[in-house]
mmCIF file of all heavy atoms, coordinates in Angstrom:
data_MODEL
# 
_entry.id   MODEL 
# 
loop_
_atom_site.group_PDB 
_atom_site.id 
_atom_site.type_symbol 
_atom_site.label_atom_id 
_atom_site.label_alt_id 
_atom_site.label_comp_id 
_atom_site.label_asym_id 
_atom_site.label_entity_id 
_atom_site.label_seq_id 
_atom_site.pdbx_PDB_ins_code 
_atom_site.Cartn_x 
_atom_site.Cartn_y 
_atom_site.Cartn_z 
_atom_site.occupancy 
_atom_site.B_iso_or_equiv 
_atom_site.pdbx_formal_charge 
_atom_site.auth_seq_id 
_atom_site.auth_comp_id 
_atom_site.auth_asym_id 
_atom_site.auth_atom_id 
_atom_site.pdbx_PDB_model_num 
ATOM 1   N N   . ALA A 1 1  ? 112.067 -85.093 -94.735  1.00 0.00 ? 1  ALA A N   1 
ATOM 2   C CA  . ALA A 1 1  ? 111.625 -84.383 -96.199  1.00 0.00 ? 1  ALA A CA  1 
ATOM 3   C C   . ALA A 1 1  ? 112.643 -83.496 -96.547  1.00 0.00 ? 1  ALA A C   1 
ATOM 4   O O   . ALA A 1 1  ? 113.214 -82.735 -95.739  1.00 0.00 ? 1  ALA A O   1 
ATOM 5   C CB  . ALA A 1 1  ? 110.290 -83.801 -96.029  1.00 0.00 ? 1  ALA A CB  1 
ATOM 6   N N   . ASP A 1 2  ? 112.965 -83.327 -97.907  1.00 0.00 ? 2  ASP A N   1 
ATOM 7   C CA  . ASP A 1 2  ? 113.886 -82.434 -98.427  1.00 0.00 ? 2  ASP A CA  1 
ATOM 8   C C   . ASP A 1 2  ? 113.715 -80.970 -97.912  1.00 0.00 ? 2  ASP A C   1 
ATOM 9   O O   . ASP A 1 2  ? 114.635 -80.237 -97.779  1.00 0.00 ? 2  ASP A O   1 
ATOM 10  C CB  . ASP A 1 2  ? 113.947 -82.584 -99.956  1.00 0.00 ? 2  ASP A CB  1 
ATOM 11  C CG  . ASP A 1 2  ? 114.531 -83.880 -100.407 1.00 0.00 ? 2  ASP A CG  1 
ATOM 12  O OD1 . ASP A 1 2  ? 115.270 -84.539 -99.613  1.00 0.00 ? 2  ASP A OD1 1 
ATOM 13  O OD2 . ASP A 1 2  ? 114.251 -84.188 -101.535 1.00 0.00 ? 2  ASP A OD2 1 
ATOM 14  N N   . SER A 1 3  ? 112.297 -80.645 -97.692  1.00 0.00 ? 3  SER A N   1 
ATOM 15  C CA  . SER A 1 3  ? 112.103 -79.303 -97.475  1.00 0.00 ? 3  SER A CA  1 
ATOM 16  C C   . SER A 1 3  ? 112.460 -78.849 -96.171  1.00 0.00 ? 3  SER A C   1 
ATOM 17  O O   . SER A 1 3  ? 112.528 -77.613 -95.844  1.00 0.00 ? 3  SER A O   1 
ATOM 18  C CB  . SER A 1 3  ? 110.593 -79.074 -97.662  1.00 0.00 ? 3  SER A CB  1 
ATOM 19  O OG  . SER A 1 3  ? 109.835 -80.014 -96.856  1.00 0.00 ? 3  SER A OG  1 
ATOM 20  N N   . VAL A 1 4  ? 112.814 -79.818 -95.238  1.00 0.00 ? 4  VAL A N   1 
ATOM 21  C CA  . VAL A 1 4  ? 113.116 -79.479 -93.826  1.00 0.00 ? 4  VAL A CA  1 
ATOM 22  C C   . VAL A 1 4  ? 114.519 -79.841 -93.459  1.00 0.00 ? 4  VAL A C   1 
ATOM 23  O O   . VAL A 1 4  ? 114.925 -79.558 -92.324  1.00 0.00 ? 4  VAL A O   1 
ATOM 24  C CB  . VAL A 1 4  ? 112.104 -79.935 -92.845  1.00 0.00 ? 4  VAL A CB  1 
ATOM 25  C CG1 . VAL A 1 4  ? 110.682 -79.597 -93.273  1.00 0.00 ? 4  VAL A CG1 1 
ATOM 26  C CG2 . VAL A 1 4  ? 112.225 -81.485 -92.770  1.00 0.00 ? 4  VAL A CG2 1 
ATOM 27  N N   . LYS A 1 5  ? 115.179 -80.578 -94.352  1.00 0.00 ? 5  LYS A N   1 
ATOM 28  C CA  . LYS A 1 5  ? 116.543 -81.081 -94.042  1.00 0.00 ? 5  LYS A CA  1 
ATOM 29  C C   . LYS A 1 5  ? 117.525 -79.833 -93.668  1.00 0.00 ? 5  LYS A C   1 
ATOM 30  O O   . LYS A 1 5  ? 117.453 -78.826 -94.355  1.00 0.00 ? 5  LYS A O   1 
ATOM 31  C CB  . LYS A 1 5  ? 117.126 -81.780 -95.219  1.00 0.00 ? 5  LYS A CB  1 
ATOM 32  C CG  . LYS A 1 5  ? 116.767 -83.203 -95.354  1.00 0.00 ? 5  LYS A CG  1 
ATOM 33  C CD  . LYS A 1 5  ? 117.290 -83.811 -96.576  1.00 0.00 ? 5  LYS A CD  1 
ATOM 34  C CE  . LYS A 1 5  ? 116.731 -85.311 -96.696  1.00 0.00 ? 5  LYS A CE  1 
ATOM 35  N NZ  . LYS A 1 5  ? 117.357 -86.090 -97.912  1.00 0.00 ? 5  LYS A NZ  1 
ATOM 36  N N   . GLY A 1 6  ? 118.196 -80.121 -92.644  1.00 0.00 ? 6  GLY A N   1 
ATOM 37  C CA  . GLY A 1 6  ? 119.074 -79.040 -92.212  1.00 0.00 ? 6  GLY A CA  1 
ATOM 38  C C   . GLY A 1 6  ? 118.532 -77.836 -91.282  1.00 0.00 ? 6  GLY A C   1 
ATOM 39  O O   . GLY A 1 6  ? 119.111 -77.157 -90.641  1.00 0.00 ? 6  GLY A O   1 
ATOM 40  N N   . ARG A 1 7  ? 117.119 -78.033 -91.137  1.00 0.00 ? 7  ARG A N   1 
ATOM 41  C CA  . ARG A 1 7  ? 116.488 -76.982 -90.304  1.00 0.00 ? 7  ARG A CA  1 
ATOM 42  C C   . ARG A 1 7  ? 115.696 -77.711 -89.141  1.00 0.00 ? 7  ARG A C   1 
ATOM 43  O O   . ARG A 1 7  ? 115.554 -77.126 -88.149  1.00 0.00 ? 7  ARG A O   1 
ATOM 44  C CB  . ARG A 1 7  ? 115.481 -76.195 -91.227  1.00 0.00 ? 7  ARG A CB  1 
ATOM 45  C CG  . ARG A 1 7  ? 116.001 -75.310 -92.359  1.00 0.00 ? 7  ARG A CG  1 
ATOM 46  C CD  . ARG A 1 7  ? 115.080 -74.492 -93.015  1.00 0.00 ? 7  ARG A CD  1 
ATOM 47  N NE  . ARG A 1 7  ? 113.953 -75.206 -93.561  1.00 0.00 ? 7  ARG A NE  1 
ATOM 48  C CZ  . ARG A 1 7  ? 112.669 -74.992 -93.295  1.00 0.00 ? 7  ARG A CZ  1 
ATOM 49  N NH1 . ARG A 1 7  ? 112.327 -74.105 -92.364  1.00 0.00 ? 7  ARG A NH1 1 
ATOM 50  N NH2 . ARG A 1 7  ? 111.802 -75.656 -93.895  1.00 0.00 ? 7  ARG A NH2 1 
ATOM 51  N N   . PHE A 1 8  ? 115.178 -78.991 -89.362  1.00 0.00 ? 8  PHE A N   1 
ATOM 52  C CA  . PHE A 1 8  ? 114.455 -79.551 -88.375  1.00 0.00 ? 8  PHE A CA  1 
ATOM 53  C C   . PHE A 1 8  ? 115.206 -80.746 -87.987  1.00 0.00 ? 8  PHE A C   1 
ATOM 54  O O   . PHE A 1 8  ? 115.958 -81.362 -88.620  1.00 0.00 ? 8  PHE A O   1 
ATOM 55  C CB  . PHE A 1 8  ? 113.091 -80.034 -88.998  1.00 0.00 ? 8  PHE A CB  1 
ATOM 56  C CG  . PHE A 1 8  ? 112.051 -79.045 -89.364  1.00 0.00 ? 8  PHE A CG  1 
ATOM 57  C CD1 . PHE A 1 8  ? 112.353 -77.756 -89.270  1.00 0.00 ? 8  PHE A CD1 1 
ATOM 58  C CD2 . PHE A 1 8  ? 110.779 -79.503 -89.685  1.00 0.00 ? 8  PHE A CD2 1 
ATOM 59  C CE1 . PHE A 1 8  ? 111.478 -76.742 -89.660  1.00 0.00 ? 8  PHE A CE1 1 
ATOM 60  C CE2 . PHE A 1 8  ? 109.866 -78.531 -89.978  1.00 0.00 ? 8  PHE A CE2 1 
ATOM 61  C CZ  . PHE A 1 8  ? 110.108 -77.131 -90.002  1.00 0.00 ? 8  PHE A CZ  1 
ATOM 62  N N   . THR A 1 9  ? 114.936 -81.147 -86.695  1.00 0.00 ? 9  THR A N   1 
ATOM 63  C CA  . THR A 1 9  ? 115.661 -82.268 -86.014  1.00 0.00 ? 9  THR A CA  1 
ATOM 64  C C   . THR A 1 9  ? 114.611 -83.124 -85.192  1.00 0.00 ? 9  THR A C   1 
ATOM 65  O O   . THR A 1 9  ? 113.902 -82.509 -84.283  1.00 0.00 ? 9  THR A O   1 
ATOM 66  C CB  . THR A 1 9  ? 116.695 -81.794 -85.139  1.00 0.00 ? 9  THR A CB  1 
ATOM 67  O OG1 . THR A 1 9  ? 117.717 -81.132 -85.886  1.00 0.00 ? 9  THR A OG1 1 
ATOM 68  C CG2 . THR A 1 9  ? 117.425 -83.005 -84.529  1.00 0.00 ? 9  THR A CG2 1 
ATOM 69  N N   . ILE A 1 10 ? 114.544 -84.308 -85.525  1.00 0.00 ? 10 ILE A N   1 
ATOM 70  C CA  . ILE A 1 10 ? 113.678 -85.156 -84.774  1.00 0.00 ? 10 ILE A CA  1 
ATOM 71  C C   . ILE A 1 10 ? 114.402 -85.941 -83.706  1.00 0.00 ? 10 ILE A C   1 
ATOM 72  O O   . ILE A 1 10 ? 115.595 -86.372 -84.097  1.00 0.00 ? 10 ILE A O   1 
ATOM 73  C CB  . ILE A 1 10 ? 112.857 -86.116 -85.565  1.00 0.00 ? 10 ILE A CB  1 
ATOM 74  C CG1 . ILE A 1 10 ? 111.764 -86.791 -84.905  1.00 0.00 ? 10 ILE A CG1 1 
ATOM 75  C CG2 . ILE A 1 10 ? 113.646 -86.966 -86.422  1.00 0.00 ? 10 ILE A CG2 1 
ATOM 76  C CD1 . ILE A 1 10 ? 110.685 -87.647 -85.685  1.00 0.00 ? 10 ILE A CD1 1 
ATOM 77  N N   . SER A 1 11 ? 113.931 -86.172 -82.452  1.00 0.00 ? 11 SER A N   1 
ATOM 78  C CA  . SER A 1 11 ? 114.537 -86.840 -81.415  1.00 0.00 ? 11 SER A CA  1 
ATOM 79  C C   . SER A 1 11 ? 113.522 -87.591 -80.667  1.00 0.00 ? 11 SER A C   1 
ATOM 80  O O   . SER A 1 11 ? 112.411 -87.248 -80.613  1.00 0.00 ? 11 SER A O   1 
ATOM 81  C CB  . SER A 1 11 ? 115.695 -86.048 -80.707  1.00 0.00 ? 11 SER A CB  1 
ATOM 82  O OG  . SER A 1 11 ? 114.875 -85.009 -80.018  1.00 0.00 ? 11 SER A OG  1 
ATOM 83  N N   . ARG A 1 12 ? 114.063 -88.500 -79.808  1.00 0.00 ? 12 ARG A N   1 
ATOM 84  C CA  . ARG A 1 12 ? 113.155 -89.180 -78.938  1.00 0.00 ? 12 ARG A CA  1 
ATOM 85  C C   . ARG A 1 12 ? 113.785 -89.449 -77.531  1.00 0.00 ? 12 ARG A C   1 
ATOM 86  O O   . ARG A 1 12 ? 115.028 -89.579 -77.480  1.00 0.00 ? 12 ARG A O   1 
ATOM 87  C CB  . ARG A 1 12 ? 112.696 -90.490 -79.457  1.00 0.00 ? 12 ARG A CB  1 
ATOM 88  C CG  . ARG A 1 12 ? 113.813 -91.491 -79.691  1.00 0.00 ? 12 ARG A CG  1 
ATOM 89  C CD  . ARG A 1 12 ? 113.338 -92.731 -80.666  1.00 0.00 ? 12 ARG A CD  1 
ATOM 90  N NE  . ARG A 1 12 ? 112.309 -93.486 -79.958  1.00 0.00 ? 12 ARG A NE  1 
ATOM 91  C CZ  . ARG A 1 12 ? 111.446 -94.231 -80.605  1.00 0.00 ? 12 ARG A CZ  1 
ATOM 92  N NH1 . ARG A 1 12 ? 111.442 -94.242 -81.910  1.00 0.00 ? 12 ARG A NH1 1 
ATOM 93  N NH2 . ARG A 1 12 ? 110.530 -95.027 -79.840  1.00 0.00 ? 12 ARG A NH2 1 
ATOM 94  N N   . ASP A 1 13 ? 113.027 -89.474 -76.532  1.00 0.00 ? 13 ASP A N   1 
ATOM 95  C CA  . ASP A 1 13 ? 113.458 -89.821 -75.125  1.00 0.00 ? 13 ASP A CA  1 
ATOM 96  C C   . ASP A 1 13 ? 112.630 -91.114 -74.684  1.00 0.00 ? 13 ASP A C   1 
ATOM 97  O O   . ASP A 1 13 ? 111.484 -90.755 -74.429  1.00 0.00 ? 13 ASP A O   1 
ATOM 98  C CB  . ASP A 1 13 ? 113.244 -88.692 -74.219  1.00 0.00 ? 13 ASP A CB  1 
ATOM 99  C CG  . ASP A 1 13 ? 113.919 -88.832 -72.830  1.00 0.00 ? 13 ASP A CG  1 
ATOM 100 O OD1 . ASP A 1 13 ? 113.933 -90.196 -72.552  1.00 0.00 ? 13 ASP A OD1 1 
ATOM 101 O OD2 . ASP A 1 13 ? 113.925 -87.977 -72.145  1.00 0.00 ? 13 ASP A OD2 1 
ATOM 102 N N   . ASN A 1 14 ? 113.173 -92.171 -74.892  1.00 0.00 ? 14 ASN A N   1 
ATOM 103 C CA  . ASN A 1 14 ? 112.388 -93.443 -74.436  1.00 0.00 ? 14 ASN A CA  1 
ATOM 104 C C   . ASN A 1 14 ? 112.063 -93.438 -73.035  1.00 0.00 ? 14 ASN A C   1 
ATOM 105 O O   . ASN A 1 14 ? 110.955 -94.124 -72.644  1.00 0.00 ? 14 ASN A O   1 
ATOM 106 C CB  . ASN A 1 14 ? 113.204 -94.692 -74.809  1.00 0.00 ? 14 ASN A CB  1 
ATOM 107 C CG  . ASN A 1 14 ? 113.507 -94.916 -76.354  1.00 0.00 ? 14 ASN A CG  1 
ATOM 108 O OD1 . ASN A 1 14 ? 112.635 -94.362 -77.103  1.00 0.00 ? 14 ASN A OD1 1 
ATOM 109 N ND2 . ASN A 1 14 ? 114.425 -95.598 -76.849  1.00 0.00 ? 14 ASN A ND2 1 
ATOM 110 N N   . ALA A 1 15 ? 112.833 -92.853 -72.225  1.00 0.00 ? 15 ALA A N   1 
ATOM 111 C CA  . ALA A 1 15 ? 112.449 -92.899 -70.750  1.00 0.00 ? 15 ALA A CA  1 
ATOM 112 C C   . ALA A 1 15 ? 111.202 -92.052 -70.487  1.00 0.00 ? 15 ALA A C   1 
ATOM 113 O O   . ALA A 1 15 ? 110.402 -92.313 -69.659  1.00 0.00 ? 15 ALA A O   1 
ATOM 114 C CB  . ALA A 1 15 ? 113.509 -92.342 -70.026  1.00 0.00 ? 15 ALA A CB  1 
ATOM 115 N N   . GLN A 1 16 ? 111.020 -91.054 -71.263  1.00 0.00 ? 16 GLN A N   1 
ATOM 116 C CA  . GLN A 1 16 ? 109.929 -90.131 -71.218  1.00 0.00 ? 16 GLN A CA  1 
ATOM 117 C C   . GLN A 1 16 ? 108.721 -90.457 -72.159  1.00 0.00 ? 16 GLN A C   1 
ATOM 118 O O   . GLN A 1 16 ? 107.686 -89.769 -72.104  1.00 0.00 ? 16 GLN A O   1 
ATOM 119 C CB  . GLN A 1 16 ? 110.253 -88.671 -71.422  1.00 0.00 ? 16 GLN A CB  1 
ATOM 120 C CG  . GLN A 1 16 ? 111.289 -88.170 -70.376  1.00 0.00 ? 16 GLN A CG  1 
ATOM 121 C CD  . GLN A 1 16 ? 110.751 -88.089 -69.005  1.00 0.00 ? 16 GLN A CD  1 
ATOM 122 O OE1 . GLN A 1 16 ? 109.582 -87.847 -68.703  1.00 0.00 ? 16 GLN A OE1 1 
ATOM 123 N NE2 . GLN A 1 16 ? 111.641 -88.445 -68.009  1.00 0.00 ? 16 GLN A NE2 1 
ATOM 124 N N   . ASN A 1 17 ? 108.854 -91.435 -72.926  1.00 0.00 ? 17 ASN A N   1 
ATOM 125 C CA  . ASN A 1 17 ? 107.931 -91.824 -74.014  1.00 0.00 ? 17 ASN A CA  1 
ATOM 126 C C   . ASN A 1 17 ? 107.583 -90.513 -74.798  1.00 0.00 ? 17 ASN A C   1 
ATOM 127 O O   . ASN A 1 17 ? 106.347 -90.469 -75.100  1.00 0.00 ? 17 ASN A O   1 
ATOM 128 C CB  . ASN A 1 17 ? 106.571 -92.300 -73.354  1.00 0.00 ? 17 ASN A CB  1 
ATOM 129 C CG  . ASN A 1 17 ? 106.785 -93.751 -72.810  1.00 0.00 ? 17 ASN A CG  1 
ATOM 130 O OD1 . ASN A 1 17 ? 107.900 -94.371 -72.771  1.00 0.00 ? 17 ASN A OD1 1 
ATOM 131 N ND2 . ASN A 1 17 ? 105.740 -94.330 -72.174  1.00 0.00 ? 17 ASN A ND2 1 
ATOM 132 N N   . THR A 1 18 ? 108.519 -89.850 -75.173  1.00 0.00 ? 18 THR A N   1 
ATOM 133 C CA  . THR A 1 18 ? 108.258 -88.603 -75.888  1.00 0.00 ? 18 THR A CA  1 
ATOM 134 C C   . THR A 1 18 ? 109.105 -88.556 -77.162  1.00 0.00 ? 18 THR A C   1 
ATOM 135 O O   . THR A 1 18 ? 110.279 -88.792 -77.109  1.00 0.00 ? 18 THR A O   1 
ATOM 136 C CB  . THR A 1 18 ? 108.559 -87.451 -75.012  1.00 0.00 ? 18 THR A CB  1 
ATOM 137 O OG1 . THR A 1 18 ? 107.616 -87.587 -73.914  1.00 0.00 ? 18 THR A OG1 1 
ATOM 138 C CG2 . THR A 1 18 ? 108.221 -86.078 -75.773  1.00 0.00 ? 18 THR A CG2 1 
ATOM 139 N N   . VAL A 1 19 ? 108.521 -87.950 -78.176  1.00 0.00 ? 19 VAL A N   1 
ATOM 140 C CA  . VAL A 1 19 ? 109.333 -87.519 -79.425  1.00 0.00 ? 19 VAL A CA  1 
ATOM 141 C C   . VAL A 1 19 ? 109.223 -86.063 -79.555  1.00 0.00 ? 19 VAL A C   1 
ATOM 142 O O   . VAL A 1 19 ? 108.183 -85.442 -79.361  1.00 0.00 ? 19 VAL A O   1 
ATOM 143 C CB  . VAL A 1 19 ? 108.766 -88.424 -80.647  1.00 0.00 ? 19 VAL A CB  1 
ATOM 144 C CG1 . VAL A 1 19 ? 107.284 -87.899 -81.005  1.00 0.00 ? 19 VAL A CG1 1 
ATOM 145 C CG2 . VAL A 1 19 ? 109.656 -88.189 -81.852  1.00 0.00 ? 19 VAL A CG2 1 
ATOM 146 N N   . TYR A 1 20 ? 110.329 -85.468 -80.155  1.00 0.00 ? 20 TYR A N   1 
ATOM 147 C CA  . TYR A 1 20 ? 110.427 -83.975 -80.244  1.00 0.00 ? 20 TYR A CA  1 
ATOM 148 C C   . TYR A 1 20 ? 110.583 -83.764 -81.724  1.00 0.00 ? 20 TYR A C   1 
ATOM 149 O O   . TYR A 1 20 ? 111.242 -84.525 -82.533  1.00 0.00 ? 20 TYR A O   1 
ATOM 150 C CB  . TYR A 1 20 ? 111.556 -83.626 -79.430  1.00 0.00 ? 20 TYR A CB  1 
ATOM 151 C CG  . TYR A 1 20 ? 111.546 -83.834 -77.997  1.00 0.00 ? 20 TYR A CG  1 
ATOM 152 C CD1 . TYR A 1 20 ? 112.362 -85.078 -77.564  1.00 0.00 ? 20 TYR A CD1 1 
ATOM 153 C CD2 . TYR A 1 20 ? 110.883 -83.242 -76.977  1.00 0.00 ? 20 TYR A CD2 1 
ATOM 154 C CE1 . TYR A 1 20 ? 112.208 -85.469 -76.235  1.00 0.00 ? 20 TYR A CE1 1 
ATOM 155 C CE2 . TYR A 1 20 ? 110.941 -83.607 -75.736  1.00 0.00 ? 20 TYR A CE2 1 
ATOM 156 C CZ  . TYR A 1 20 ? 111.630 -84.733 -75.374  1.00 0.00 ? 20 TYR A CZ  1 
ATOM 157 O OH  . TYR A 1 20 ? 111.467 -85.223 -74.032  1.00 0.00 ? 20 TYR A OH  1 
ATOM 158 N N   . LEU A 1 21 ? 110.272 -82.489 -82.068  1.00 0.00 ? 21 LEU A N   1 
ATOM 159 C CA  . LEU A 1 21 ? 110.619 -82.005 -83.390  1.00 0.00 ? 21 LEU A CA  1 
ATOM 160 C C   . LEU A 1 21 ? 111.062 -80.612 -83.113  1.00 0.00 ? 21 LEU A C   1 
ATOM 161 O O   . LEU A 1 21 ? 110.336 -79.620 -82.854  1.00 0.00 ? 21 LEU A O   1 
ATOM 162 C CB  . LEU A 1 21 ? 109.469 -81.860 -84.397  1.00 0.00 ? 21 LEU A CB  1 
ATOM 163 C CG  . LEU A 1 21 ? 109.869 -81.527 -85.751  1.00 0.00 ? 21 LEU A CG  1 
ATOM 164 C CD1 . LEU A 1 21 ? 110.745 -82.612 -86.400  1.00 0.00 ? 21 LEU A CD1 1 
ATOM 165 C CD2 . LEU A 1 21 ? 108.575 -81.237 -86.650  1.00 0.00 ? 21 LEU A CD2 1 
ATOM 166 N N   . GLN A 1 22 ? 112.490 -80.314 -83.208  1.00 0.00 ? 22 GLN A N   1 
ATOM 167 C CA  . GLN A 1 22 ? 113.047 -78.994 -83.153  1.00 0.00 ? 22 GLN A CA  1 
ATOM 168 C C   . GLN A 1 22 ? 113.062 -78.398 -84.513  1.00 0.00 ? 22 GLN A C   1 
ATOM 169 O O   . GLN A 1 22 ? 113.595 -78.977 -85.431  1.00 0.00 ? 22 GLN A O   1 
ATOM 170 C CB  . GLN A 1 22 ? 114.512 -79.184 -82.572  1.00 0.00 ? 22 GLN A CB  1 
ATOM 171 C CG  . GLN A 1 22 ? 115.265 -77.902 -82.551  1.00 0.00 ? 22 GLN A CG  1 
ATOM 172 C CD  . GLN A 1 22 ? 114.700 -76.803 -81.529  1.00 0.00 ? 22 GLN A CD  1 
ATOM 173 O OE1 . GLN A 1 22 ? 114.359 -77.168 -80.429  1.00 0.00 ? 22 GLN A OE1 1 
ATOM 174 N NE2 . GLN A 1 22 ? 114.553 -75.534 -81.982  1.00 0.00 ? 22 GLN A NE2 1 
ATOM 175 N N   . MET A 1 23 ? 112.458 -77.242 -84.678  1.00 0.00 ? 23 MET A N   1 
ATOM 176 C CA  . MET A 1 23 ? 112.297 -76.522 -85.850  1.00 0.00 ? 23 MET A CA  1 
ATOM 177 C C   . MET A 1 23 ? 113.031 -75.243 -85.797  1.00 0.00 ? 23 MET A C   1 
ATOM 178 O O   . MET A 1 23 ? 112.615 -74.382 -85.044  1.00 0.00 ? 23 MET A O   1 
ATOM 179 C CB  . MET A 1 23 ? 110.873 -76.359 -86.204  1.00 0.00 ? 23 MET A CB  1 
ATOM 180 C CG  . MET A 1 23 ? 109.921 -77.651 -86.263  1.00 0.00 ? 23 MET A CG  1 
ATOM 181 S SD  . MET A 1 23 ? 108.262 -77.464 -86.671  1.00 0.00 ? 23 MET A SD  1 
ATOM 182 C CE  . MET A 1 23 ? 107.600 -76.351 -85.367  1.00 0.00 ? 23 MET A CE  1 
ATOM 183 N N   . ASN A 1 24 ? 114.066 -75.111 -86.660  1.00 0.00 ? 24 ASN A N   1 
ATOM 184 C CA  . ASN A 1 24 ? 114.714 -73.868 -86.664  1.00 0.00 ? 24 ASN A CA  1 
ATOM 185 C C   . ASN A 1 24 ? 114.654 -73.254 -88.058  1.00 0.00 ? 24 ASN A C   1 
ATOM 186 O O   . ASN A 1 24 ? 114.124 -73.800 -88.994  1.00 0.00 ? 24 ASN A O   1 
ATOM 187 C CB  . ASN A 1 24 ? 116.215 -74.080 -86.559  1.00 0.00 ? 24 ASN A CB  1 
ATOM 188 C CG  . ASN A 1 24 ? 116.545 -74.607 -85.132  1.00 0.00 ? 24 ASN A CG  1 
ATOM 189 O OD1 . ASN A 1 24 ? 115.793 -74.374 -84.101  1.00 0.00 ? 24 ASN A OD1 1 
ATOM 190 N ND2 . ASN A 1 24 ? 117.503 -75.499 -84.976  1.00 0.00 ? 24 ASN A ND2 1 
ATOM 191 N N   . SER A 1 25 ? 114.987 -71.917 -88.179  1.00 0.00 ? 25 SER A N   1 
ATOM 192 C CA  . SER A 1 25 ? 114.963 -71.171 -89.374  1.00 0.00 ? 25 SER A CA  1 
ATOM 193 C C   . SER A 1 25 ? 113.656 -71.330 -90.087  1.00 0.00 ? 25 SER A C   1 
ATOM 194 O O   . SER A 1 25 ? 113.454 -71.607 -91.227  1.00 0.00 ? 25 SER A O   1 
ATOM 195 C CB  . SER A 1 25 ? 115.969 -71.592 -90.400  1.00 0.00 ? 25 SER A CB  1 
ATOM 196 O OG  . SER A 1 25 ? 117.372 -71.426 -89.803  1.00 0.00 ? 25 SER A OG  1 
ATOM 197 N N   . LEU A 1 26 ? 112.530 -71.184 -89.304  1.00 0.00 ? 26 LEU A N   1 
ATOM 198 C CA  . LEU A 1 26 ? 111.241 -71.343 -89.873  1.00 0.00 ? 26 LEU A CA  1 
ATOM 199 C C   . LEU A 1 26 ? 110.796 -70.386 -91.041  1.00 0.00 ? 26 LEU A C   1 
ATOM 200 O O   . LEU A 1 26 ? 111.225 -69.234 -90.952  1.00 0.00 ? 26 LEU A O   1 
ATOM 201 C CB  . LEU A 1 26 ? 110.186 -71.241 -88.673  1.00 0.00 ? 26 LEU A CB  1 
ATOM 202 C CG  . LEU A 1 26 ? 110.110 -72.565 -87.902  1.00 0.00 ? 26 LEU A CG  1 
ATOM 203 C CD1 . LEU A 1 26 ? 109.559 -72.214 -86.574  1.00 0.00 ? 26 LEU A CD1 1 
ATOM 204 C CD2 . LEU A 1 26 ? 109.418 -73.712 -88.544  1.00 0.00 ? 26 LEU A CD2 1 
ATOM 205 N N   . LYS A 1 27 ? 110.052 -70.918 -91.881  1.00 0.00 ? 27 LYS A N   1 
ATOM 206 C CA  . LYS A 1 27 ? 109.641 -70.169 -93.076  1.00 0.00 ? 27 LYS A CA  1 
ATOM 207 C C   . LYS A 1 27 ? 108.098 -70.136 -93.122  1.00 0.00 ? 27 LYS A C   1 
ATOM 208 O O   . LYS A 1 27 ? 107.448 -71.013 -92.571  1.00 0.00 ? 27 LYS A O   1 
ATOM 209 C CB  . LYS A 1 27 ? 110.217 -70.740 -94.305  1.00 0.00 ? 27 LYS A CB  1 
ATOM 210 C CG  . LYS A 1 27 ? 111.636 -71.064 -94.406  1.00 0.00 ? 27 LYS A CG  1 
ATOM 211 C CD  . LYS A 1 27 ? 111.968 -71.818 -95.671  1.00 0.00 ? 27 LYS A CD  1 
ATOM 212 C CE  . LYS A 1 27 ? 113.536 -72.145 -95.807  1.00 0.00 ? 27 LYS A CE  1 
ATOM 213 N NZ  . LYS A 1 27 ? 113.801 -72.903 -96.959  1.00 0.00 ? 27 LYS A NZ  1 
# 
């Protein structure tokens, strides 16, 4: 979403069946 671009990063680890959301510069 435009509101989180540059601040949030989504990633996944298929071996761990896990998805992550790294949130920086939170408002």
